[in-house]
Amino acid sequence: MPNLIDFMERATSGPIVVEDEFNLKRLIPNTRKIVKEYNITYSPENPVAADDSLADRLFEAAIEFIIRTGIYCDDTNRVIQIEKDEIIHALQNLPDGSYFGEGRDRNKFVSRRLDDERKPWCHVGTGIVASSEDIALAQVDGYGRVPQANSISIPAFNRIREMQVIGGSPLEIHAASRAVQAGRKALTNAGHPGLPIMNLISSATTSMGTIAGSHPAFGLRPSDGWLIDFLAEMKVNFETLNRLAFIQLTGGNIGSTALPILGGFAGGAAGTALVMTAYYLLGILLFQGTYHLTCPVHFRYGCTTTRDSIWVLSVVGRAASRNINYPDIALGYAAAGPQTRMYFYEAAAFILSSVVSGFGGVQTVHPAKAIIEDGVTPLEASFCAELAHRFAGKQADEANELVNMLLEKYEHRMEMPPSGKRFQECFNLKTEKPTEDYQKLYADVKDELISMGIT
């Protein structure tokens, strides 16, 4: 199987193509042709896909798409070409999972099958910016106390001494290291110091920040996880490959990451599903990942809880679950913010569709499109983790009915979703508990979901 040096050789010697030509003459035409050739069709009335034949066609189509399209290197303006036998060989040599964490918090993350009654891996928390270290500590402490938590995402720091963190500056190095240290401190306070941090370091925007935040004296541990992102769409650059080279050399767990844009270069739901599946294969072959994190982000709404986004997530999860043993995490972005009914409807629809579609793990659905500072609390994390465990073993047909019921409650509000409240407005920083208003809303929403048939 080729390694990173082999791919770097292709990135410096492959066909020279300007980026617009790659998009207009390779990426877009190949997406459209292959979607038609393999009959990949979107079914809006069935947001939770249950067609095994469609899922298998999608998987085969993704292999063909990579062979025809390749992947573009921005820094060299060359196409990295890939052969079918390389993909097949990589798939045949996948391990059956990887271990994360330390001590009693150490667990093995494996892929799941459709209708699998095993509980999914719960990746708890978000990388949403925290405005202060006190808030970050309270958030992560709350994540560490979620009983179902298998791994944690830590918040990003965007200020040092009230100075805005600038990517590539010494401030980024300080922010990256302080974020990890704060996360470790909070997890120790929560009684789970060994829980793995698996969102790389949200404060690190450059490869230099990633490397600095991985120093063994104060940074991530080998048993943590490092997310490495593909660029939209079907592209990489040297910043990506620099991160990759460092983590491969130091033996870290690589989480290949791809958030394709639904309505972007890949087109609609069918094309986005094709590209999203291709990223799994590239994560295995090019990144040599140990897990994969993914979701489709809607171009217009900036979230992953629209009807077509949920279908993309579901059919891709089904294709991956049926055809490869690559542990994957479904990442969701809700349109609505914390302490809103709409958030819980969106989160329930996303988590339900992910679990029944065979995803190995799910992450806390990010409120308010993850763009509001301090825009998440441990209550959303607890809600998502509890639902993920409850939904294990449910059938796609049953899930489809429930997701349609949930969509009816919120999809008409996508244009103007409620922004909700920030952490300090709906959580008591001293007691680290939700306010009475939030606890009441949460209890009401749970009763409503139970009345709908969601346990």
Protein backbone atom coordinates (compact mmCIF):
# COMPACT_ATOMS: atom_id res chain seq x y z
CA MET A 1 0.00 0.00 0.00
CA PRO A 2 1.45 3.44 -0.89
CA ASN A 3 2.53 5.69 2.00
CA LEU A 4 2.56 9.45 2.40
CA ILE A 5 5.91 9.83 0.62
CA ASP A 6 4.49 7.94 -2.36
CA PHE A 7 1.51 10.29 -2.45
CA MET A 8 3.80 13.32 -2.12
CA GLU A 9 5.64 12.09 -5.20
CA ARG A 10 2.34 12.06 -7.08
CA ALA A 11 1.47 15.49 -5.67
CA THR A 12 4.66 16.86 -7.20
CA SER A 13 4.67 14.91 -10.48
CA GLY A 14 1.01 14.28 -11.36
CA PRO A 15 -0.95 16.05 -14.10
CA ILE A 16 -0.84 19.85 -13.81
CA VAL A 17 -4.36 21.29 -13.66
CA VAL A 18 -5.53 24.72 -12.55
CA GLU A 19 -8.09 24.54 -9.75
CA ASP A 20 -11.02 25.79 -11.84
CA GLU A 21 -10.28 23.17 -14.46
CA PHE A 22 -10.21 20.45 -11.81
CA ASN A 23 -13.60 21.61 -10.52
CA LEU A 24 -15.26 22.16 -13.90
CA LYS A 25 -13.75 19.35 -15.97
CA ARG A 26 -13.18 16.60 -13.43
CA LEU A 27 -15.04 17.01 -10.16
CA ILE A 28 -18.45 18.27 -11.27
CA PRO A 29 -18.80 16.22 -14.53
CA ASN A 30 -17.63 13.00 -12.87
CA THR A 31 -20.05 13.50 -9.98
CA ARG A 32 -22.98 13.94 -12.34
CA LYS A 33 -22.02 11.07 -14.64
CA ILE A 34 -21.39 8.54 -11.91
CA VAL A 35 -24.56 9.43 -9.98
CA LYS A 36 -26.49 8.70 -13.17
CA GLU A 37 -24.52 5.57 -14.11
CA TYR A 38 -25.04 3.97 -10.70
CA ASN A 39 -28.60 5.24 -10.26
CA ILE A 40 -28.01 7.09 -6.99
CA THR A 41 -31.36 8.74 -6.28
CA TYR A 42 -32.55 10.86 -3.37
CA SER A 43 -35.84 9.92 -1.71
CA PRO A 44 -37.13 12.92 0.29
CA GLU A 45 -40.07 11.00 1.76
CA ASN A 46 -37.60 8.52 3.29
CA PRO A 47 -34.95 10.60 5.11
CA VAL A 48 -33.67 7.43 6.80
CA ALA A 49 -32.41 5.26 3.95
CA ALA A 50 -33.29 1.56 4.10
CA ASP A 51 -32.31 0.41 0.59
CA ASP A 52 -29.33 -1.96 0.82
CA SER A 53 -28.98 -2.16 -2.96
CA LEU A 54 -28.70 1.63 -3.17
CA ALA A 55 -26.10 1.67 -0.39
CA ASP A 56 -23.98 -0.96 -2.15
CA ARG A 57 -24.20 0.88 -5.48
CA LEU A 58 -23.13 4.07 -3.72
CA PHE A 59 -20.06 2.34 -2.30
CA GLU A 60 -19.00 0.96 -5.70
CA ALA A 61 -19.70 4.34 -7.29
CA ALA A 62 -17.38 6.04 -4.78
CA ILE A 63 -14.48 3.78 -5.80
CA GLU A 64 -15.05 4.61 -9.46
CA PHE A 65 -15.35 8.31 -8.65
CA ILE A 66 -11.93 8.38 -6.96
CA ILE A 67 -10.27 6.55 -9.85
CA ARG A 68 -11.67 8.99 -12.43
CA THR A 69 -11.26 12.18 -10.41
CA GLY A 70 -8.21 11.80 -8.16
CA ILE A 71 -7.55 14.32 -5.43
CA TYR A 72 -6.21 17.82 -6.03
CA CYS A 73 -3.18 19.31 -4.24
CA ASP A 74 -3.67 23.08 -3.92
CA ASP A 75 0.02 23.85 -3.35
CA THR A 76 1.31 22.09 -6.46
CA ASN A 77 -1.72 22.40 -8.77
CA ARG A 78 -1.39 18.71 -9.54
CA VAL A 79 -3.77 15.76 -9.36
CA ILE A 80 -2.88 12.84 -7.10
CA GLN A 81 -4.07 9.85 -9.08
CA ILE A 82 -5.21 6.65 -7.39
CA GLU A 83 -5.62 3.10 -8.71
CA LYS A 84 -8.47 0.72 -7.91
CA ASP A 85 -6.21 -2.05 -6.66
CA GLU A 86 -4.69 0.38 -4.12
CA ILE A 87 -8.14 1.10 -2.68
CA ILE A 88 -9.09 -2.57 -2.55
CA HIS A 89 -5.80 -3.52 -0.89
CA ALA A 90 -6.26 -0.81 1.76
CA LEU A 91 -9.79 -2.00 2.51
CA GLN A 92 -8.66 -5.61 2.83
CA ASN A 93 -6.04 -4.69 5.42
CA LEU A 94 -8.13 -2.58 7.79
CA PRO A 95 -7.75 -3.38 11.51
CA ASP A 96 -10.87 -4.23 13.49
CA GLY A 97 -10.77 -1.01 15.50
CA SER A 98 -8.41 1.03 17.68
CA TYR A 99 -7.96 1.76 21.38
CA PHE A 100 -8.36 5.25 22.83
CA GLY A 101 -7.88 6.63 26.33
CA GLU A 102 -5.90 5.66 29.41
CA GLY A 103 -6.49 3.45 32.46
CA ARG A 104 -10.09 2.64 33.27
CA ASP A 105 -11.23 5.15 30.65
CA ARG A 106 -9.54 3.19 27.85
CA ASN A 107 -11.90 1.63 25.30
CA LYS A 108 -11.82 0.08 21.85
CA PHE A 109 -13.64 2.01 19.12
CA VAL A 110 -15.04 -0.33 16.46
CA SER A 111 -17.43 -0.05 13.55
CA ARG A 112 -21.08 -1.08 13.90
CA ARG A 113 -23.41 -2.97 11.62
CA LEU A 114 -26.97 -2.13 10.66
CA ASP A 115 -29.51 -3.03 13.36
CA ASP A 116 -26.53 -3.49 15.70
CA GLU A 117 -27.66 -3.62 19.33
CA ARG A 118 -24.20 -2.62 20.58
CA LYS A 119 -24.17 0.91 21.97
CA PRO A 120 -22.51 3.47 19.68
CA TRP A 121 -19.35 5.27 20.73
CA CYS A 122 -20.34 8.61 22.29
CA HIS A 123 -17.99 11.46 21.41
CA VAL A 124 -19.16 14.13 23.83
CA GLY A 125 -18.77 17.89 23.51
CA THR A 126 -17.80 20.36 20.80
CA GLY A 127 -14.91 22.54 19.71
CA ILE A 128 -17.06 25.68 19.92
CA VAL A 129 -15.12 28.70 21.17
CA ALA A 130 -15.22 29.33 24.94
CA SER A 131 -14.83 32.97 25.92
CA SER A 132 -12.95 32.16 29.13
CA GLU A 133 -11.03 29.34 30.75
CA ASP A 134 -13.63 29.13 33.54
CA ILE A 135 -16.38 28.42 31.02
CA ALA A 136 -14.22 25.88 29.18
CA LEU A 137 -13.49 24.08 32.47
CA ALA A 138 -17.18 23.98 33.39
CA GLN A 139 -18.16 22.67 29.96
CA VAL A 140 -15.57 19.87 29.87
CA ASP A 141 -16.22 18.97 33.51
CA GLY A 142 -19.85 18.47 32.49
CA TYR A 143 -18.89 16.39 29.46
CA GLY A 144 -16.71 14.16 31.64
CA ARG A 145 -19.67 13.43 33.91
CA VAL A 146 -21.89 12.13 31.09
CA PRO A 147 -22.12 8.38 31.91
CA GLN A 148 -22.09 7.31 28.24
CA ALA A 149 -19.03 9.39 27.30
CA ASN A 150 -16.27 7.46 25.51
CA SER A 151 -14.29 10.47 24.28
CA ILE A 152 -14.33 14.25 24.57
CA SER A 153 -14.12 17.34 22.40
CA ILE A 154 -12.52 20.34 24.08
CA PRO A 155 -13.50 23.98 23.41
CA ALA A 156 -11.34 26.32 21.38
CA PHE A 157 -9.62 29.33 22.93
CA ASN A 158 -9.57 32.42 20.74
CA ARG A 159 -8.09 34.89 23.22
CA ILE A 160 -4.94 35.10 25.32
CA ARG A 161 -4.92 38.05 27.78
CA GLU A 162 -7.79 39.56 25.80
CA MET A 163 -5.69 39.41 22.62
CA GLN A 164 -7.32 37.75 19.65
CA VAL A 165 -5.45 34.55 18.73
CA ILE A 166 -3.80 34.91 15.32
CA GLY A 167 -3.13 31.75 13.34
CA GLY A 168 0.56 31.08 12.86
CA SER A 169 1.57 33.36 15.75
CA PRO A 170 2.92 32.54 19.23
CA LEU A 171 -0.59 33.19 20.52
CA GLU A 172 -1.83 30.14 18.63
CA ILE A 173 0.80 27.94 20.28
CA HIS A 174 -0.22 29.21 23.73
CA ALA A 175 -3.93 28.79 22.95
CA ALA A 176 -3.44 25.22 21.69
CA SER A 177 -1.48 24.11 24.75
CA ARG A 178 -3.74 25.88 27.24
CA ALA A 179 -6.86 24.34 25.70
CA VAL A 180 -5.49 20.83 26.17
CA GLN A 181 -4.32 21.58 29.72
CA ALA A 182 -7.72 23.00 30.63
CA GLY A 183 -9.41 19.93 29.18
CA ARG A 184 -7.20 17.56 31.18
CA LYS A 185 -7.81 19.52 34.39
CA ALA A 186 -11.57 19.43 33.90
CA LEU A 187 -11.60 15.70 33.14
CA THR A 188 -9.57 15.07 36.29
CA ASN A 189 -12.10 17.09 38.28
CA ALA A 190 -14.88 15.00 36.73
CA GLY A 191 -13.16 11.79 37.83
CA HIS A 192 -12.25 10.60 34.33
CA PRO A 193 -8.67 11.76 33.65
CA GLY A 194 -8.12 9.00 31.11
CA LEU A 195 -10.93 9.95 28.71
CA PRO A 196 -9.43 10.61 25.27
CA ILE A 197 -9.61 14.01 23.60
CA MET A 198 -10.51 13.29 19.98
CA ASN A 199 -11.07 16.61 18.23
CA LEU A 200 -7.39 17.41 17.68
CA ILE A 201 -7.00 20.89 19.14
CA SER A 202 -9.70 23.32 18.03
CA SER A 203 -7.45 26.26 18.88
CA ALA A 204 -4.79 25.06 16.39
CA THR A 205 -5.48 26.51 12.96
CA THR A 206 -2.07 25.68 11.46
CA SER A 207 0.15 22.61 11.39
CA MET A 208 2.57 24.47 13.66
CA GLY A 209 -0.15 24.85 16.30
CA THR A 210 -1.05 21.17 15.96
CA ILE A 211 2.55 20.09 16.48
CA ALA A 212 3.03 22.44 19.45
CA GLY A 213 -0.17 21.21 21.08
CA SER A 214 0.98 17.61 20.72
CA HIS A 215 4.07 17.95 22.90
CA PRO A 216 4.00 15.03 25.37
CA ALA A 217 4.77 17.23 28.37
CA PHE A 218 1.54 19.24 28.12
CA GLY A 219 -0.33 18.29 24.95
CA LEU A 220 -2.27 15.40 23.50
CA ARG A 221 -1.31 11.81 24.27
CA PRO A 222 -0.78 9.00 21.74
CA SER A 223 -4.09 7.50 22.94
CA ASP A 224 -6.00 10.66 21.94
CA GLY A 225 -7.23 11.43 18.42
CA TRP A 226 -6.09 13.95 15.80
CA LEU A 227 -8.62 15.14 13.21
CA ILE A 228 -7.16 15.79 9.74
CA ASP A 229 -9.48 17.54 7.30
CA PHE A 230 -9.89 17.21 3.58
CA LEU A 231 -10.58 20.50 1.79
CA ALA A 232 -13.87 20.95 -0.03
CA GLU A 233 -14.11 19.35 -2.40
CA MET A 234 -11.63 16.47 -3.07
CA LYS A 235 -8.60 18.59 -2.22
CA VAL A 236 -5.63 18.68 0.16
CA ASN A 237 -2.84 21.17 0.78
CA PHE A 238 0.56 21.15 2.48
CA GLU A 239 -0.93 22.33 5.80
CA THR A 240 -3.09 19.19 5.81
CA LEU A 241 -0.22 16.95 4.75
CA ASN A 242 2.17 18.51 7.29
CA ARG A 243 -0.22 17.61 10.11
CA LEU A 244 -0.59 14.16 8.64
CA ALA A 245 3.17 13.59 8.35
CA PHE A 246 3.78 14.58 11.97
CA ILE A 247 1.01 12.42 13.41
CA GLN A 248 1.97 9.42 11.31
CA LEU A 249 5.60 9.73 12.44
CA THR A 250 4.62 10.00 16.11
CA GLY A 251 2.10 7.15 15.96
CA GLY A 252 -1.06 9.05 16.86
CA ASN A 253 -4.64 8.01 16.07
CA ILE A 254 -5.65 9.82 12.88
CA GLY A 255 -9.27 10.78 12.41
CA SER A 256 -9.84 11.47 8.73
CA THR A 257 -12.39 14.27 8.51
CA ALA A 258 -14.66 15.42 5.69
CA LEU A 259 -17.64 17.77 5.79
CA PRO A 260 -18.84 17.96 2.17
CA ILE A 261 -21.01 20.92 1.21
CA LEU A 262 -24.54 19.89 0.19
CA GLY A 263 -25.33 22.28 -2.65
CA GLY A 264 -21.67 23.01 -3.44
CA PHE A 265 -19.40 21.42 -6.05
CA ALA A 266 -20.95 18.00 -5.39
CA GLY A 267 -24.41 19.27 -6.24
CA GLY A 268 -27.52 17.92 -4.54
CA ALA A 269 -28.11 15.07 -2.13
CA ALA A 270 -27.07 12.23 -4.47
CA GLY A 271 -23.81 13.88 -5.52
CA THR A 272 -22.97 14.86 -1.96
CA ALA A 273 -23.54 11.27 -0.83
CA LEU A 274 -21.12 10.09 -3.54
CA VAL A 275 -18.36 12.50 -2.51
CA MET A 276 -18.94 11.87 1.20
CA THR A 277 -18.50 8.12 0.68
CA ALA A 278 -15.34 8.70 -1.36
CA TYR A 279 -13.81 10.51 1.61
CA TYR A 280 -14.08 7.33 3.70
CA LEU A 281 -11.92 5.50 1.15
CA LEU A 282 -9.42 8.34 0.90
CA GLY A 283 -9.25 8.53 4.70
CA ILE A 284 -8.26 4.87 4.78
CA LEU A 285 -5.80 4.99 1.87
CA LEU A 286 -4.28 8.48 1.87
CA PHE A 287 -4.51 9.40 5.56
CA GLN A 288 -4.19 5.84 6.92
CA GLY A 289 -6.78 6.82 9.49
CA THR A 290 -7.97 4.85 12.48
CA TYR A 291 -11.41 6.50 12.49
CA HIS A 292 -13.48 8.87 10.36
CA LEU A 293 -15.59 11.90 11.30
CA THR A 294 -18.12 13.19 8.82
CA CYS A 295 -21.33 15.04 8.04
CA PRO A 296 -22.86 16.94 5.11
CA VAL A 297 -23.16 20.70 5.74
CA HIS A 298 -26.07 22.38 3.95
CA PHE A 299 -24.85 25.24 1.75
CA ARG A 300 -27.92 27.41 2.40
CA TYR A 301 -28.65 26.69 6.06
CA GLY A 302 -25.21 25.83 7.45
CA CYS A 303 -26.51 22.81 9.38
CA THR A 304 -26.90 19.05 8.95
CA THR A 305 -30.48 18.58 10.12
CA THR A 306 -32.39 19.37 6.93
CA ARG A 307 -34.32 16.55 5.28
CA ASP A 308 -31.81 16.12 2.46
CA SER A 309 -28.81 16.33 4.83
CA ILE A 310 -30.24 13.56 7.00
CA TRP A 311 -30.79 11.38 3.92
CA VAL A 312 -27.17 11.90 2.81
CA LEU A 313 -25.91 11.00 6.28
CA SER A 314 -28.14 7.94 6.43
CA VAL A 315 -27.35 6.44 3.01
CA VAL A 316 -23.60 7.05 3.45
CA GLY A 317 -23.64 5.48 6.91
CA ARG A 318 -25.48 2.50 5.49
CA ALA A 319 -23.01 2.12 2.60
CA ALA A 320 -20.02 2.27 4.95
CA SER A 321 -21.54 -0.05 7.56
CA ARG A 322 -22.29 -2.72 4.94
CA ASN A 323 -18.96 -2.60 3.13
CA ILE A 324 -16.05 -1.61 5.41
CA ASN A 325 -14.81 -1.93 9.01
CA TYR A 326 -13.79 1.69 9.46
CA PRO A 327 -15.06 3.22 12.75
CA ASP A 328 -16.97 6.40 11.97
CA ILE A 329 -18.47 9.27 13.95
CA ALA A 330 -21.50 11.24 12.76
CA LEU A 331 -21.10 14.95 13.52
CA GLY A 332 -24.21 17.14 13.53
CA TYR A 333 -24.86 20.87 13.35
CA ALA A 334 -28.29 22.08 14.48
CA ALA A 335 -29.74 25.36 13.27
CA ALA A 336 -31.25 26.23 16.66
CA GLY A 337 -29.28 27.17 19.75
CA PRO A 338 -29.25 25.91 23.37
CA GLN A 339 -32.39 26.06 25.50
CA THR A 340 -34.77 25.82 22.54
CA ARG A 341 -37.26 23.08 21.70
CA MET A 342 -36.13 23.15 18.09
CA TYR A 343 -32.60 22.15 19.05
CA PHE A 344 -33.83 18.98 20.75
CA TYR A 345 -36.05 18.07 17.79
CA GLU A 346 -33.09 18.50 15.42
CA ALA A 347 -30.70 16.60 17.66
CA ALA A 348 -33.12 13.71 18.08
CA ALA A 349 -33.66 13.42 14.31
CA PHE A 350 -29.93 13.49 13.63
CA ILE A 351 -28.93 11.03 16.36
CA LEU A 352 -31.72 8.59 15.51
CA SER A 353 -30.88 8.53 11.79
CA SER A 354 -27.15 8.13 12.53
CA VAL A 355 -27.47 5.23 14.97
CA VAL A 356 -29.87 3.16 12.86
CA SER A 357 -27.73 3.77 9.76
CA GLY A 358 -24.80 1.91 11.28
CA PHE A 359 -22.51 4.70 12.42
CA GLY A 360 -19.98 3.43 14.94
CA GLY A 361 -20.21 6.63 16.95
CA VAL A 362 -22.05 9.93 17.27
CA GLN A 363 -20.93 13.32 18.49
CA THR A 364 -22.93 15.90 20.42
CA VAL A 365 -25.04 17.79 17.89
CA HIS A 366 -23.57 21.32 17.84
CA PRO A 367 -26.14 24.05 18.64
CA ALA A 368 -26.55 27.23 16.57
CA LYS A 369 -24.41 25.92 13.69
CA ALA A 370 -21.40 26.06 16.06
CA ILE A 371 -20.86 29.75 15.35
CA ILE A 372 -21.96 31.35 18.65
CA GLU A 373 -19.26 31.78 21.30
CA ASP A 374 -20.13 29.82 24.47
CA GLY A 375 -23.01 28.35 22.46
CA VAL A 376 -23.16 24.88 24.03
CA THR A 377 -23.79 23.30 27.43
CA PRO A 378 -23.32 19.81 28.92
CA LEU A 379 -27.10 19.29 28.83
CA GLU A 380 -27.09 18.98 25.03
CA ALA A 381 -24.20 16.50 25.32
CA SER A 382 -26.08 14.40 27.86
CA PHE A 383 -29.25 14.42 25.75
CA CYS A 384 -27.45 13.24 22.60
CA ALA A 385 -25.51 10.49 24.42
CA GLU A 386 -28.61 9.14 26.17
CA LEU A 387 -30.56 9.04 22.91
CA ALA A 388 -27.70 7.34 21.09
CA HIS A 389 -27.74 4.47 23.59
CA ARG A 390 -31.54 4.23 23.56
CA PHE A 391 -31.73 4.03 19.75
CA ALA A 392 -29.30 1.13 19.35
CA GLY A 393 -31.00 -1.82 17.65
CA LYS A 394 -33.92 0.14 16.16
CA GLN A 395 -34.98 -0.61 12.59
CA ALA A 396 -34.69 1.89 9.72
CA ASP A 397 -38.42 1.80 8.94
CA GLU A 398 -39.36 2.68 12.51
CA ALA A 399 -36.70 5.38 12.61
CA ASN A 400 -37.91 6.84 9.31
CA GLU A 401 -41.40 7.36 10.72
CA LEU A 402 -40.05 9.07 13.85
CA VAL A 403 -37.64 11.29 11.91
CA ASN A 404 -40.46 12.42 9.61
CA MET A 405 -42.50 13.35 12.69
CA LEU A 406 -39.57 15.36 14.06
CA LEU A 407 -38.93 17.09 10.75
CA GLU A 408 -42.54 18.28 10.69
CA LYS A 409 -41.86 20.06 13.97
CA TYR A 410 -38.87 22.10 12.82
CA GLU A 411 -38.03 22.08 9.10
CA HIS A 412 -40.37 25.03 8.38
CA ARG A 413 -38.23 27.13 10.78
CA MET A 414 -34.89 26.65 9.04
CA GLU A 415 -34.89 30.15 7.59
CA MET A 416 -35.11 31.79 11.03
CA PRO A 417 -34.17 29.35 13.78
CA PRO A 418 -34.10 30.51 17.41
CA SER A 419 -30.56 31.41 18.48
CA GLY A 420 -31.11 30.25 22.06
CA LYS A 421 -28.89 31.23 24.96
CA ARG A 422 -25.19 31.14 25.72
CA PHE A 423 -23.73 28.86 28.38
CA GLN A 424 -23.60 31.52 31.11
CA GLU A 425 -27.25 32.43 30.48
CA CYS A 426 -28.69 28.94 30.94
CA PHE A 427 -26.13 27.30 33.25
CA ASN A 428 -24.99 28.30 36.73
CA LEU A 429 -21.21 28.58 36.57
CA LYS A 430 -20.79 27.97 40.31
CA THR A 431 -23.04 24.92 40.68
CA GLU A 432 -22.41 23.77 37.07
CA LYS A 433 -26.11 22.93 36.73
CA PRO A 434 -28.76 24.16 34.28
CA THR A 435 -31.03 26.99 35.35
CA GLU A 436 -34.55 26.13 36.53
CA ASP A 437 -35.99 27.36 33.23
CA TYR A 438 -33.70 25.10 31.25
CA GLN A 439 -34.40 22.09 33.48
CA LYS A 440 -38.14 22.64 33.02
CA LEU A 441 -37.84 22.94 29.24
CA TYR A 442 -35.69 19.81 29.13
CA ALA A 443 -38.23 17.81 31.17
CA ASP A 444 -41.08 19.03 28.94
CA VAL A 445 -39.23 18.09 25.76
CA LYS A 446 -38.40 14.62 27.07
CA ASP A 447 -42.07 14.03 27.93
CA GLU A 448 -43.05 15.16 24.45
CA LEU A 449 -40.52 12.86 22.77
CA ILE A 450 -41.69 9.94 24.89
CA SER A 451 -45.28 10.61 23.82
CA MET A 452 -44.10 10.40 20.19
CA GLY A 453 -42.66 6.94 20.79
CA ILE A 454 -39.05 7.93 21.36
CA THR A 455 -38.02 6.08 24.49
